């Protein structure tokens, strides 16, 4: 819908699904869509992750900054009313969107 919209100049518009998802649920949905077994997600306290970023200064590990950990912990609930209004559409859930992307039947019915 955004691609088909006649925009009158540069515009920012949040494009998101009908509800926010916890990161673990997002990862599980991606695995299911790729026909992979559900990944084991182990919750780790943010403080431990922030301290662990210091270990990524070792030359054989990719660098992870504390700001990246903070970003992962942020609330990702966005107001999608402008998207609905400007594009005249209702978003679909992640499972349905992945099913369309991978041409499979959604494993979860209803908004996700």
Protein backbone atom coordinates (compact mmCIF):
# COMPACT_ATOMS: atom_id res chain seq x y z
CA UNK A 1 0.00 0.00 0.00
CA UNK A 2 2.89 2.38 0.77
CA UNK A 3 4.48 1.72 -2.61
CA UNK A 4 1.20 2.40 -4.42
CA UNK A 5 0.51 5.61 -2.46
CA UNK A 6 1.01 8.94 -4.25
CA UNK A 7 3.40 10.76 -1.92
CA UNK A 8 3.88 14.53 -2.24
CA UNK A 9 7.49 14.45 -1.03
CA UNK A 10 9.72 12.79 1.53
CA UNK A 11 7.61 11.27 4.29
CA UNK A 12 8.20 9.14 7.33
CA UNK A 13 5.54 6.60 8.21
CA UNK A 14 5.79 3.73 10.67
CA UNK A 15 4.90 0.46 8.95
CA UNK A 16 4.20 -2.18 11.58
CA UNK A 17 1.93 -5.04 12.48
CA UNK A 18 -1.19 -4.88 14.62
CA UNK A 19 0.59 -5.57 17.92
CA UNK A 20 4.11 -5.45 19.34
CA UNK A 21 5.94 -8.73 19.80
CA UNK A 22 8.51 -9.73 22.38
CA UNK A 23 11.84 -10.50 20.73
CA UNK A 24 11.65 -14.20 21.65
CA UNK A 25 8.25 -14.51 19.97
CA UNK A 26 9.61 -12.77 16.87
CA UNK A 27 12.56 -15.20 16.67
CA UNK A 28 10.27 -18.20 17.14
CA UNK A 29 7.95 -16.98 14.38
CA UNK A 30 10.87 -16.57 11.96
CA UNK A 31 12.09 -20.09 12.76
CA UNK A 32 8.60 -21.53 12.25
CA UNK A 33 8.26 -19.74 8.90
CA UNK A 34 11.62 -21.16 7.83
CA UNK A 35 10.47 -24.64 8.89
CA UNK A 36 13.13 -24.79 11.60
CA UNK A 37 12.63 -26.16 15.10
CA UNK A 38 11.80 -23.52 17.71
CA UNK A 39 15.00 -21.98 19.03
CA UNK A 40 15.75 -22.11 22.72
CA UNK A 41 15.63 -18.56 24.02
CA UNK A 42 17.34 -18.02 27.36
CA UNK A 43 16.49 -14.77 29.14
CA UNK A 44 19.55 -12.99 30.49
CA UNK A 45 19.37 -9.94 32.77
CA UNK A 46 20.23 -6.68 31.00
CA UNK A 47 23.00 -5.90 33.48
CA UNK A 48 24.77 -9.15 32.61
CA UNK A 49 24.47 -8.38 28.89
CA UNK A 50 25.85 -4.87 29.39
CA UNK A 51 28.87 -6.25 31.25
CA UNK A 52 29.32 -8.96 28.60
CA UNK A 53 29.71 -6.28 25.92
CA UNK A 54 33.18 -5.67 27.39
CA UNK A 55 34.18 -9.17 26.25
CA UNK A 56 33.40 -8.24 22.65
CA UNK A 57 36.54 -6.09 22.62
CA UNK A 58 38.50 -9.31 22.12
CA UNK A 59 39.86 -9.45 18.56
CA UNK A 60 38.12 -12.72 17.60
CA UNK A 61 34.60 -11.59 18.62
CA UNK A 62 32.30 -9.15 16.84
CA UNK A 63 31.94 -5.89 18.76
CA UNK A 64 28.67 -5.30 20.59
CA UNK A 65 28.08 -1.91 22.21
CA UNK A 66 25.97 -1.20 25.30
CA UNK A 67 23.73 1.04 23.15
CA UNK A 68 22.83 -2.01 21.03
CA UNK A 69 21.75 -3.90 24.14
CA UNK A 70 19.67 -0.91 25.28
CA UNK A 71 18.01 -0.81 21.84
CA UNK A 72 17.05 -4.48 22.15
CA UNK A 73 15.39 -3.74 25.48
CA UNK A 74 13.35 -0.75 24.26
CA UNK A 75 9.59 -0.89 23.94
CA UNK A 76 8.84 -1.34 20.23
CA UNK A 77 5.14 -0.48 20.42
CA UNK A 78 4.52 2.07 17.68
CA UNK A 79 1.38 4.05 16.88
CA UNK A 80 0.10 2.60 13.61
CA UNK A 81 -2.99 4.83 13.38
CA UNK A 82 -1.26 7.13 10.85
CA UNK A 83 -0.39 4.10 8.69
CA UNK A 84 -3.98 2.87 8.83
CA UNK A 85 -5.34 6.32 8.00
CA UNK A 86 -2.91 7.33 5.23
CA UNK A 87 -2.76 3.95 3.53
CA UNK A 88 -6.36 2.89 4.18
CA UNK A 89 -5.37 -0.60 5.22
CA UNK A 90 -5.25 -2.90 8.19
CA UNK A 91 -1.95 -4.58 9.03
CA UNK A 92 -1.67 -8.33 9.22
CA UNK A 93 0.10 -10.26 11.96
CA UNK A 94 3.67 -11.47 11.70
CA UNK A 95 2.74 -15.14 11.19
CA UNK A 96 0.42 -14.26 8.31
CA UNK A 97 3.00 -11.92 6.78
CA UNK A 98 5.69 -14.58 6.98
CA UNK A 99 3.31 -17.13 5.49
CA UNK A 100 2.73 -14.81 2.53
CA UNK A 101 6.46 -14.16 2.22
CA UNK A 102 7.37 -17.84 2.31
CA UNK A 103 4.18 -18.97 0.52
CA UNK A 104 3.07 -21.17 3.39
CA UNK A 105 -0.05 -21.36 5.45
CA UNK A 106 0.11 -19.36 8.64
CA UNK A 107 0.53 -21.50 11.73
CA UNK A 108 -1.18 -18.92 13.90
CA UNK A 109 -4.55 -17.56 12.91
CA UNK A 110 -5.73 -14.12 13.86
CA UNK A 111 -3.67 -11.01 14.52
CA UNK A 112 -0.16 -11.67 15.81
